[in-house]
Amino acid sequence: YRTNAQKIAIFSQGIKGLNRYPTAPPSKQFAVVDEDTKKVVYRGNPVAWNDRKVSELSGDRVWFADFSDFKTPGRYHIEEPNARFRSFPFTIGDGVYG
């Protein structure tokens, strides 16, 4: 992500169809974690999409996590404790596409 760009992560819970799997919905908080120090550097609250309705196209219930106001350059990942989710590492910085 660029430093001043919009930064959004998506959490999904497969309810029906091919993507169905037994997982818990996301907790009320997610964390952005520094890859080097393993310290939480940002906390936020995921927001339900479409009033928690299951998407007819995907069969998923979806939440989005906006952490756009976090602008510190570095390498991070996102953790969501309820579903035991950890994202792949990502970079925030102005030269990420260079």
PDB file of N, CA and C in Angstrom:
ATOM      1  N   TYR A   1       0.843  -1.176   0.000  1.00  0.00           N
ATOM      2  CA  TYR A   1       0.000   0.000   0.000  1.00  0.00           C
ATOM      3  C   TYR A   1       0.894   1.247   0.000  1.00  0.00           C
ATOM      4  N   ARG A   2       0.499   2.260  -0.745  1.00  0.00           N
ATOM      5  CA  ARG A   2       1.187   3.536  -0.628  1.00  0.00           C
ATOM      6  C   ARG A   2       0.808   4.184   0.705  1.00  0.00           C
ATOM      7  N   THR A   3       1.691   5.013   1.215  1.00  0.00           N
ATOM      8  CA  THR A   3       1.522   5.604   2.539  1.00  0.00           C
ATOM      9  C   THR A   3       0.177   6.307   2.721  1.00  0.00           C
ATOM     10  N   ASN A   4      -0.222   7.121   1.760  1.00  0.00           N
ATOM     11  CA  ASN A   4      -1.470   7.878   1.884  1.00  0.00           C
ATOM     12  C   ASN A   4      -2.652   7.226   1.175  1.00  0.00           C
ATOM     13  N   ALA A   5      -2.501   5.999   0.719  1.00  0.00           N
ATOM     14  CA  ALA A   5      -3.567   5.304  -0.012  1.00  0.00           C
ATOM     15  C   ALA A   5      -4.621   4.737   0.944  1.00  0.00           C
ATOM     16  N   GLN A   6      -5.775   4.431   0.387  1.00  0.00           N
ATOM     17  CA  GLN A   6      -6.800   3.718   1.138  1.00  0.00           C
ATOM     18  C   GLN A   6      -6.306   2.289   1.377  1.00  0.00           C
ATOM     19  N   LYS A   7      -6.463   1.792   2.578  1.00  0.00           N
ATOM     20  CA  LYS A   7      -5.978   0.464   2.946  1.00  0.00           C
ATOM     21  C   LYS A   7      -7.145  -0.324   3.532  1.00  0.00           C
ATOM     22  N   ILE A   8      -7.556  -1.365   2.831  1.00  0.00           N
ATOM     23  CA  ILE A   8      -8.710  -2.150   3.266  1.00  0.00           C
ATOM     24  C   ILE A   8      -8.379  -3.636   3.182  1.00  0.00           C
ATOM     25  N   ALA A   9      -8.730  -4.361   4.224  1.00  0.00           N
ATOM     26  CA  ALA A   9      -8.652  -5.821   4.229  1.00  0.00           C
ATOM     27  C   ALA A   9     -10.081  -6.352   4.252  1.00  0.00           C
ATOM     28  N   ILE A  10     -10.277  -7.513   3.667  1.00  0.00           N
ATOM     29  CA  ILE A  10     -11.603  -8.136   3.602  1.00  0.00           C
ATOM     30  C   ILE A  10     -11.573  -9.452   4.375  1.00  0.00           C
ATOM     31  N   PHE A  11     -12.565  -9.643   5.240  1.00  0.00           N
ATOM     32  CA  PHE A  11     -12.757 -10.912   5.935  1.00  0.00           C
ATOM     33  C   PHE A  11     -14.028 -11.543   5.388  1.00  0.00           C
ATOM     34  N   SER A  12     -13.969 -12.836   5.113  1.00  0.00           N
ATOM     35  CA  SER A  12     -15.175 -13.513   4.631  1.00  0.00           C
ATOM     36  C   SER A  12     -15.411 -14.784   5.431  1.00  0.00           C
ATOM     37  N   GLN A  13     -16.668 -15.141   5.507  1.00  0.00           N
ATOM     38  CA  GLN A  13     -17.089 -16.368   6.167  1.00  0.00           C
ATOM     39  C   GLN A  13     -17.921 -17.134   5.153  1.00  0.00           C
ATOM     40  N   GLY A  14     -17.393 -18.256   4.668  1.00  0.00           N
ATOM     41  CA  GLY A  14     -18.116 -19.059   3.688  1.00  0.00           C
ATOM     42  C   GLY A  14     -19.325 -19.724   4.329  1.00  0.00           C
ATOM     43  N   ILE A  15     -20.509 -19.397   3.836  1.00  0.00           N
ATOM     44  CA  ILE A  15     -21.748 -19.924   4.423  1.00  0.00           C
ATOM     45  C   ILE A  15     -22.343 -21.039   3.563  1.00  0.00           C
ATOM     46  N   LYS A  16     -22.331 -20.850   2.240  1.00  0.00           N
ATOM     47  CA  LYS A  16     -22.892 -21.873   1.345  1.00  0.00           C
ATOM     48  C   LYS A  16     -22.085 -21.897   0.055  1.00  0.00           C
ATOM     49  N   GLY A  17     -22.211 -22.967  -0.673  1.00  0.00           N
ATOM     50  CA  GLY A  17     -21.493 -23.077  -1.935  1.00  0.00           C
ATOM     51  C   GLY A  17     -20.105 -23.692  -1.760  1.00  0.00           C
ATOM     52  N   LEU A  18     -19.271 -23.564  -2.786  1.00  0.00           N
ATOM     53  CA  LEU A  18     -17.954 -24.186  -2.786  1.00  0.00           C
ATOM     54  C   LEU A  18     -17.016 -23.635  -1.723  1.00  0.00           C
ATOM     55  N   ASN A  19     -17.225 -22.405  -1.312  1.00  0.00           N
ATOM     56  CA  ASN A  19     -16.339 -21.761  -0.348  1.00  0.00           C
ATOM     57  C   ASN A  19     -16.772 -22.004   1.101  1.00  0.00           C
ATOM     58  N   ARG A  20     -17.780 -22.842   1.307  1.00  0.00           N
ATOM     59  CA  ARG A  20     -18.300 -23.068   2.646  1.00  0.00           C
ATOM     60  C   ARG A  20     -17.271 -23.814   3.507  1.00  0.00           C
ATOM     61  N   TYR A  21     -17.013 -23.276   4.674  1.00  0.00           N
ATOM     62  CA  TYR A  21     -16.116 -23.923   5.617  1.00  0.00           C
ATOM     63  C   TYR A  21     -16.497 -23.458   7.014  1.00  0.00           C
ATOM     64  N   PRO A  22     -16.274 -24.299   8.002  1.00  0.00           N
ATOM     65  CA  PRO A  22     -16.712 -23.949   9.364  1.00  0.00           C
ATOM     66  C   PRO A  22     -15.750 -22.989  10.056  1.00  0.00           C
ATOM     67  N   THR A  23     -16.037 -21.708  10.005  1.00  0.00           N
ATOM     68  CA  THR A  23     -15.227 -20.715  10.701  1.00  0.00           C
ATOM     69  C   THR A  23     -16.141 -19.772  11.474  1.00  0.00           C
ATOM     70  N   ALA A  24     -15.565 -19.136  12.426  1.00  0.00           N
ATOM     71  CA  ALA A  24     -16.296 -18.137  13.206  1.00  0.00           C
ATOM     72  C   ALA A  24     -16.282 -16.814  12.449  1.00  0.00           C
ATOM     73  N   PRO A  25     -17.275 -15.974  12.670  1.00  0.00           N
ATOM     74  CA  PRO A  25     -17.205 -14.622  12.090  1.00  0.00           C
ATOM     75  C   PRO A  25     -16.048 -13.865  12.742  1.00  0.00           C
ATOM     76  N   PRO A  26     -15.583 -12.803  12.106  1.00  0.00           N
ATOM     77  CA  PRO A  26     -14.461 -12.072  12.706  1.00  0.00           C
ATOM     78  C   PRO A  26     -14.843 -11.464  14.054  1.00  0.00           C
ATOM     79  N   SER A  27     -13.839 -11.282  14.883  1.00  0.00           N
ATOM     80  CA  SER A  27     -14.069 -10.644  16.174  1.00  0.00           C
ATOM     81  C   SER A  27     -14.336  -9.163  15.962  1.00  0.00           C
ATOM     82  N   LYS A  28     -14.569  -8.460  17.040  1.00  0.00           N
ATOM     83  CA  LYS A  28     -14.906  -7.042  16.931  1.00  0.00           C
ATOM     84  C   LYS A  28     -13.683  -6.179  16.685  1.00  0.00           C
ATOM     85  N   GLN A  29     -12.491  -6.800  16.628  1.00  0.00           N
ATOM     86  CA  GLN A  29     -11.299  -6.016  16.426  1.00  0.00           C
ATOM     87  C   GLN A  29     -10.285  -6.810  15.598  1.00  0.00           C
ATOM     88  N   PHE A  30      -9.546  -6.101  14.741  1.00  0.00           N
ATOM     89  CA  PHE A  30      -8.432  -6.691  14.013  1.00  0.00           C
ATOM     90  C   PHE A  30      -7.183  -5.900  14.382  1.00  0.00           C
ATOM     91  N   ALA A  31      -6.023  -6.468  14.082  1.00  0.00           N
ATOM     92  CA  ALA A  31      -4.767  -5.812  14.423  1.00  0.00           C
ATOM     93  C   ALA A  31      -3.833  -5.809  13.228  1.00  0.00           C
ATOM     94  N   VAL A  32      -3.113  -4.705  13.048  1.00  0.00           N
ATOM     95  CA  VAL A  32      -2.004  -4.639  12.111  1.00  0.00           C
ATOM     96  C   VAL A  32      -0.750  -4.850  12.951  1.00  0.00           C
ATOM     97  N   VAL A  33       0.073  -5.831  12.539  1.00  0.00           N
ATOM     98  CA  VAL A  33       1.227  -6.241  13.333  1.00  0.00           C
ATOM     99  C   VAL A  33       2.508  -6.014  12.540  1.00  0.00           C
ATOM    100  N   ASP A  34       3.501  -5.406  13.179  1.00  0.00           N
ATOM    101  CA  ASP A  34       4.803  -5.168  12.561  1.00  0.00           C
ATOM    102  C   ASP A  34       5.501  -6.512  12.352  1.00  0.00           C
ATOM    103  N   GLU A  35       5.958  -6.774  11.134  1.00  0.00           N
ATOM    104  CA  GLU A  35       6.614  -8.043  10.812  1.00  0.00           C
ATOM    105  C   GLU A  35       7.921  -8.230  11.576  1.00  0.00           C
ATOM    106  N   ASP A  36       8.673  -7.169  11.828  1.00  0.00           N
ATOM    107  CA  ASP A  36       9.968  -7.290  12.499  1.00  0.00           C
ATOM    108  C   ASP A  36       9.835  -7.420  14.009  1.00  0.00           C
ATOM    109  N   THR A  37       9.048  -6.553  14.615  1.00  0.00           N
ATOM    110  CA  THR A  37       8.957  -6.528  16.080  1.00  0.00           C
ATOM    111  C   THR A  37       7.847  -7.414  16.630  1.00  0.00           C
ATOM    112  N   LYS A  38       6.905  -7.808  15.767  1.00  0.00           N
ATOM    113  CA  LYS A  38       5.725  -8.607  16.158  1.00  0.00           C
ATOM    114  C   LYS A  38       4.799  -7.847  17.099  1.00  0.00           C
ATOM    115  N   LYS A  39       4.951  -6.524  17.153  1.00  0.00           N
ATOM    116  CA  LYS A  39       4.095  -5.696  18.005  1.00  0.00           C
ATOM    117  C   LYS A  39       2.887  -5.198  17.225  1.00  0.00           C
ATOM    118  N   VAL A  40       1.757  -5.097  17.917  1.00  0.00           N
ATOM    119  CA  VAL A  40       0.554  -4.521  17.320  1.00  0.00           C
ATOM    120  C   VAL A  40       0.779  -3.018  17.177  1.00  0.00           C
ATOM    121  N   VAL A  41       0.603  -2.518  15.948  1.00  0.00           N
ATOM    122  CA  VAL A  41       0.825  -1.087  15.696  1.00  0.00           C
ATOM    123  C   VAL A  41      -0.471  -0.349  15.384  1.00  0.00           C
ATOM    124  N   TYR A  42      -1.553  -1.104  15.175  1.00  0.00           N
ATOM    125  CA  TYR A  42      -2.839  -0.475  14.860  1.00  0.00           C
ATOM    126  C   TYR A  42      -3.938  -1.476  15.189  1.00  0.00           C
ATOM    127  N   ARG A  43      -5.034  -0.975  15.721  1.00  0.00           N
ATOM    128  CA  ARG A  43      -6.235  -1.792  15.952  1.00  0.00           C
ATOM    129  C   ARG A  43      -7.420  -1.090  15.313  1.00  0.00           C
ATOM    130  N   GLY A  44      -8.310  -1.888  14.770  1.00  0.00           N
ATOM    131  CA  GLY A  44      -9.512  -1.336  14.164  1.00  0.00           C
ATOM    132  C   GLY A  44     -10.667  -2.314  14.286  1.00  0.00           C
ATOM    133  N   ASN A  45     -11.827  -1.887  13.834  1.00  0.00           N
ATOM    134  CA  ASN A  45     -13.044  -2.698  13.927  1.00  0.00           C
ATOM    135  C   ASN A  45     -13.555  -3.044  12.535  1.00  0.00           C
ATOM    136  N   PRO A  46     -13.685  -4.336  12.221  1.00  0.00           N
ATOM    137  CA  PRO A  46     -14.260  -4.699  10.924  1.00  0.00           C
ATOM    138  C   PRO A  46     -15.736  -4.297  10.865  1.00  0.00           C
ATOM    139  N   VAL A  47     -16.180  -3.914   9.681  1.00  0.00           N
ATOM    140  CA  VAL A  47     -17.552  -3.465   9.473  1.00  0.00           C
ATOM    141  C   VAL A  47     -18.252  -4.460   8.547  1.00  0.00           C
ATOM    142  N   ALA A  48     -19.426  -4.906   8.947  1.00  0.00           N
ATOM    143  CA  ALA A  48     -20.186  -5.862   8.140  1.00  0.00           C
ATOM    144  C   ALA A  48     -20.663  -5.221   6.847  1.00  0.00           C
ATOM    145  N   TRP A  49     -20.561  -5.972   5.766  1.00  0.00           N
ATOM    146  CA  TRP A  49     -21.068  -5.546   4.462  1.00  0.00           C
ATOM    147  C   TRP A  49     -22.517  -5.998   4.338  1.00  0.00           C
ATOM    148  N   ASN A  50     -23.364  -5.148   3.806  1.00  0.00           N
ATOM    149  CA  ASN A  50     -24.735  -5.506   3.456  1.00  0.00           C
ATOM    150  C   ASN A  50     -25.524  -6.082   4.644  1.00  0.00           C
ATOM    151  N   ASP A  51     -25.370  -5.468   5.821  1.00  0.00           N
ATOM    152  CA  ASP A  51     -26.091  -5.903   7.027  1.00  0.00           C
ATOM    153  C   ASP A  51     -25.902  -7.382   7.350  1.00  0.00           C
ATOM    154  N   ARG A  52     -24.706  -7.897   7.101  1.00  0.00           N
ATOM    155  CA  ARG A  52     -24.350  -9.300   7.361  1.00  0.00           C
ATOM    156  C   ARG A  52     -25.122 -10.299   6.501  1.00  0.00           C
ATOM    157  N   LYS A  53     -25.753  -9.834   5.447  1.00  0.00           N
ATOM    158  CA  LYS A  53     -26.466 -10.756   4.560  1.00  0.00           C
ATOM    159  C   LYS A  53     -25.452 -11.581   3.773  1.00  0.00           C
ATOM    160  N   VAL A  54     -25.818 -12.814   3.465  1.00  0.00           N
ATOM    161  CA  VAL A  54     -24.962 -13.682   2.673  1.00  0.00           C
ATOM    162  C   VAL A  54     -25.084 -13.277   1.208  1.00  0.00           C
ATOM    163  N   SER A  55     -23.949 -13.088   0.544  1.00  0.00           N
ATOM    164  CA  SER A  55     -23.943 -12.732  -0.873  1.00  0.00           C
ATOM    165  C   SER A  55     -24.503 -13.884  -1.697  1.00  0.00           C
ATOM    166  N   GLU A  56     -25.451 -13.583  -2.552  1.00  0.00           N
ATOM    167  CA  GLU A  56     -26.023 -14.613  -3.424  1.00  0.00           C
ATOM    168  C   GLU A  56     -24.994 -15.127  -4.431  1.00  0.00           C
ATOM    169  N   LEU A  57     -24.061 -14.282  -4.834  1.00  0.00           N
ATOM    170  CA  LEU A  57     -23.050 -14.681  -5.818  1.00  0.00           C
ATOM    171  C   LEU A  57     -21.974 -15.577  -5.224  1.00  0.00           C
ATOM    172  N   SER A  58     -21.453 -15.211  -4.062  1.00  0.00           N
ATOM    173  CA  SER A  58     -20.322 -15.958  -3.499  1.00  0.00           C
ATOM    174  C   SER A  58     -20.728 -16.967  -2.433  1.00  0.00           C
ATOM    175  N   GLY A  59     -21.860 -16.749  -1.788  1.00  0.00           N
ATOM    176  CA  GLY A  59     -22.252 -17.583  -0.664  1.00  0.00           C
ATOM    177  C   GLY A  59     -21.535 -17.209   0.620  1.00  0.00           C
ATOM    178  N   ASP A  60     -20.871 -16.052   0.620  1.00  0.00           N
ATOM    179  CA  ASP A  60     -20.091 -15.601   1.772  1.00  0.00           C
ATOM    180  C   ASP A  60     -20.767 -14.458   2.505  1.00  0.00           C
ATOM    181  N   ARG A  61     -20.468 -14.358   3.794  1.00  0.00           N
ATOM    182  CA  ARG A  61     -20.775 -13.183   4.586  1.00  0.00           C
ATOM    183  C   ARG A  61     -19.452 -12.419   4.680  1.00  0.00           C
ATOM    184  N   VAL A  62     -19.497 -11.093   4.507  1.00  0.00           N
ATOM    185  CA  VAL A  62     -18.265 -10.328   4.336  1.00  0.00           C
ATOM    186  C   VAL A  62     -18.194  -9.135   5.292  1.00  0.00           C
ATOM    187  N   TRP A  63     -16.972  -8.850   5.760  1.00  0.00           N
ATOM    188  CA  TRP A  63     -16.660  -7.673   6.563  1.00  0.00           C
ATOM    189  C   TRP A  63     -15.467  -6.979   5.926  1.00  0.00           C
ATOM    190  N   PHE A  64     -15.378  -5.678   6.069  1.00  0.00           N
ATOM    191  CA  PHE A  64     -14.189  -4.979   5.600  1.00  0.00           C
ATOM    192  C   PHE A  64     -13.538  -4.240   6.753  1.00  0.00           C
ATOM    193  N   ALA A  65     -12.215  -4.182   6.686  1.00  0.00           N
ATOM    194  CA  ALA A  65     -11.412  -3.570   7.742  1.00  0.00           C
ATOM    195  C   ALA A  65     -10.598  -2.448   7.111  1.00  0.00           C
ATOM    196  N   ASP A  66     -10.951  -1.232   7.427  1.00  0.00           N
ATOM    197  CA  ASP A  66     -10.278  -0.061   6.858  1.00  0.00           C
ATOM    198  C   ASP A  66      -9.213   0.432   7.834  1.00  0.00           C
ATOM    199  N   PHE A  67      -7.960   0.409   7.389  1.00  0.00           N
ATOM    200  CA  PHE A  67      -6.874   0.934   8.220  1.00  0.00           C
ATOM    201  C   PHE A  67      -6.117   2.024   7.462  1.00  0.00           C
ATOM    202  N   SER A  68      -6.861   2.801   6.661  1.00  0.00           N
ATOM    203  CA  SER A  68      -6.281   3.848   5.829  1.00  0.00           C
ATOM    204  C   SER A  68      -5.566   4.929   6.624  1.00  0.00           C
ATOM    205  N   ASP A  69      -5.983   5.159   7.860  1.00  0.00           N
ATOM    206  CA  ASP A  69      -5.339   6.222   8.630  1.00  0.00           C
ATOM    207  C   ASP A  69      -4.006   5.779   9.244  1.00  0.00           C
ATOM    208  N   PHE A  70      -3.622   4.516   9.049  1.00  0.00           N
ATOM    209  CA  PHE A  70      -2.295   4.067   9.472  1.00  0.00           C
ATOM    210  C   PHE A  70      -1.324   4.312   8.317  1.00  0.00           C
ATOM    211  N   LYS A  71      -0.313   5.118   8.529  1.00  0.00           N
ATOM    212  CA  LYS A  71       0.548   5.579   7.433  1.00  0.00           C
ATOM    213  C   LYS A  71       2.037   5.322   7.648  1.00  0.00           C
ATOM    214  N   THR A  72       2.422   4.599   8.664  1.00  0.00           N
ATOM    215  CA  THR A  72       3.833   4.383   8.967  1.00  0.00           C
ATOM    216  C   THR A  72       4.435   3.360   7.996  1.00  0.00           C
ATOM    217  N   PRO A  73       5.458   3.742   7.244  1.00  0.00           N
ATOM    218  CA  PRO A  73       6.093   2.791   6.318  1.00  0.00           C
ATOM    219  C   PRO A  73       6.678   1.588   7.070  1.00  0.00           C
ATOM    220  N   GLY A  74       6.615   0.422   6.428  1.00  0.00           N
ATOM    221  CA  GLY A  74       7.177  -0.796   7.008  1.00  0.00           C
ATOM    222  C   GLY A  74       6.530  -2.033   6.427  1.00  0.00           C
ATOM    223  N   ARG A  75       6.863  -3.208   7.014  1.00  0.00           N
ATOM    224  CA  ARG A  75       6.273  -4.503   6.615  1.00  0.00           C
ATOM    225  C   ARG A  75       5.367  -4.968   7.739  1.00  0.00           C
ATOM    226  N   TYR A  76       4.177  -5.403   7.374  1.00  0.00           N
ATOM    227  CA  TYR A  76       3.147  -5.741   8.359  1.00  0.00           C
ATOM    228  C   TYR A  76       2.359  -6.970   7.918  1.00  0.00           C
ATOM    229  N   HIS A  77       1.522  -7.451   8.799  1.00  0.00           N
ATOM    230  CA  HIS A  77       0.467  -8.411   8.471  1.00  0.00           C
ATOM    231  C   HIS A  77      -0.737  -8.075   9.344  1.00  0.00           C
ATOM    232  N   ILE A  78      -1.886  -8.637   8.979  1.00  0.00           N
ATOM    233  CA  ILE A  78      -3.120  -8.407   9.729  1.00  0.00           C
ATOM    234  C   ILE A  78      -3.478  -9.683  10.465  1.00  0.00           C
ATOM    235  N   GLU A  79      -3.873  -9.537  11.719  1.00  0.00           N
ATOM    236  CA  GLU A  79      -4.333 -10.664  12.522  1.00  0.00           C
ATOM    237  C   GLU A  79      -5.758 -10.418  12.966  1.00  0.00           C
ATOM    238  N   GLU A  80      -6.529 -11.484  12.976  1.00  0.00           N
ATOM    239  CA  GLU A  80      -7.913 -11.452  13.436  1.00  0.00           C
ATOM    240  C   GLU A  80      -8.065 -12.659  14.345  1.00  0.00           C
ATOM    241  N   PRO A  81      -8.147 -12.458  15.656  1.00  0.00           N
ATOM    242  CA  PRO A  81      -8.044 -13.574  16.598  1.00  0.00           C
ATOM    243  C   PRO A  81      -9.201 -14.566  16.600  1.00  0.00           C
ATOM    244  N   ASN A  82     -10.408 -14.142  16.336  1.00  0.00           N
ATOM    245  CA  ASN A  82     -11.569 -15.034  16.441  1.00  0.00           C
ATOM    246  C   ASN A  82     -11.500 -16.163  15.411  1.00  0.00           C
ATOM    247  N   ALA A  83     -11.194 -15.820  14.176  1.00  0.00           N
ATOM    248  CA  ALA A  83     -11.108 -16.826  13.118  1.00  0.00           C
ATOM    249  C   ALA A  83      -9.684 -17.356  12.967  1.00  0.00           C
ATOM    250  N   ARG A  84      -8.788 -16.904  13.838  1.00  0.00           N
ATOM    251  CA  ARG A  84      -7.384 -17.302  13.781  1.00  0.00           C
ATOM    252  C   ARG A  84      -6.785 -17.007  12.410  1.00  0.00           C
ATOM    253  N   PHE A  85      -7.066 -15.833  11.922  1.00  0.00           N
ATOM    254  CA  PHE A  85      -6.623 -15.402  10.603  1.00  0.00           C
ATOM    255  C   PHE A  85      -5.354 -14.572  10.709  1.00  0.00           C
ATOM    256  N   ARG A  86      -4.438 -14.813   9.787  1.00  0.00           N
ATOM    257  CA  ARG A  86      -3.233 -13.992   9.649  1.00  0.00           C
ATOM    258  C   ARG A  86      -3.003 -13.803   8.157  1.00  0.00           C
ATOM    259  N   SER A  87      -2.873 -12.555   7.728  1.00  0.00           N
ATOM    260  CA  SER A  87      -2.669 -12.280   6.311  1.00  0.00           C
ATOM    261  C   SER A  87      -1.226 -12.564   5.902  1.00  0.00           C
ATOM    262  N   PHE A  88      -0.989 -12.562   4.601  1.00  0.00           N
ATOM    263  CA  PHE A  88       0.372 -12.560   4.098  1.00  0.00           C
ATOM    264  C   PHE A  88       0.993 -11.211   4.446  1.00  0.00           C
ATOM    265  N   PRO A  89       2.309 -11.138   4.560  1.00  0.00           N
ATOM    266  CA  PRO A  89       2.950  -9.849   4.816  1.00  0.00           C
ATOM    267  C   PRO A  89       2.717  -8.871   3.665  1.00  0.00           C
ATOM    268  N   PHE A  90       2.644  -7.592   4.008  1.00  0.00           N
ATOM    269  CA  PHE A  90       2.496  -6.537   3.005  1.00  0.00           C
ATOM    270  C   PHE A  90       3.342  -5.350   3.432  1.00  0.00           C
ATOM    271  N   THR A  91       3.580  -4.467   2.480  1.00  0.00           N
ATOM    272  CA  THR A  91       4.427  -3.292   2.718  1.00  0.00           C
ATOM    273  C   THR A  91       3.612  -2.028   2.604  1.00  0.00           C
ATOM    274  N   ILE A  92       3.887  -1.068   3.481  1.00  0.00           N
ATOM    275  CA  ILE A  92       3.360   0.293   3.362  1.00  0.00           C
ATOM    276  C   ILE A  92       4.558   1.193   3.104  1.00  0.00           C
ATOM    277  N   GLY A  93       4.467   1.998   2.065  1.00  0.00           N
ATOM    278  CA  GLY A  93       5.548   2.928   1.732  1.00  0.00           C
ATOM    279  C   GLY A  93       5.278   3.610   0.406  1.00  0.00           C
ATOM    280  N   ASP A  94       5.933   4.713   0.172  1.00  0.00           N
ATOM    281  CA  ASP A  94       5.684   5.464  -1.057  1.00  0.00           C
ATOM    282  C   ASP A  94       6.287   4.805  -2.293  1.00  0.00           C
ATOM    283  N   GLY A  95       7.266   3.923  -2.148  1.00  0.00           N
ATOM    284  CA  GLY A  95       7.914   3.305  -3.297  1.00  0.00           C
ATOM    285  C   GLY A  95       7.503   1.876  -3.554  1.00  0.00           C
ATOM    286  N   VAL A  96       6.363   1.440  -3.052  1.00  0.00           N
ATOM    287  CA  VAL A  96       5.975   0.019  -3.172  1.00  0.00           C
ATOM    288  C   VAL A  96       5.741  -0.424  -4.614  1.00  0.00           C
ATOM    289  N   TYR A  97       5.428   0.520  -5.517  1.00  0.00           N
ATOM    290  CA  TYR A  97       5.194   0.139  -6.917  1.00  0.00           C
ATOM    291  C   TYR A  97       6.374   0.490  -7.803  1.00  0.00           C
ATOM    292  N   GLY A  98       7.487   0.920  -7.204  1.00  0.00           N
ATOM    293  CA  GLY A  98       8.637   1.346  -7.985  1.00  0.00           C
ATOM    294  C   GLY A  98       9.507   0.190  -8.417  1.00  0.00           C
TER     295      GLY A  98
END
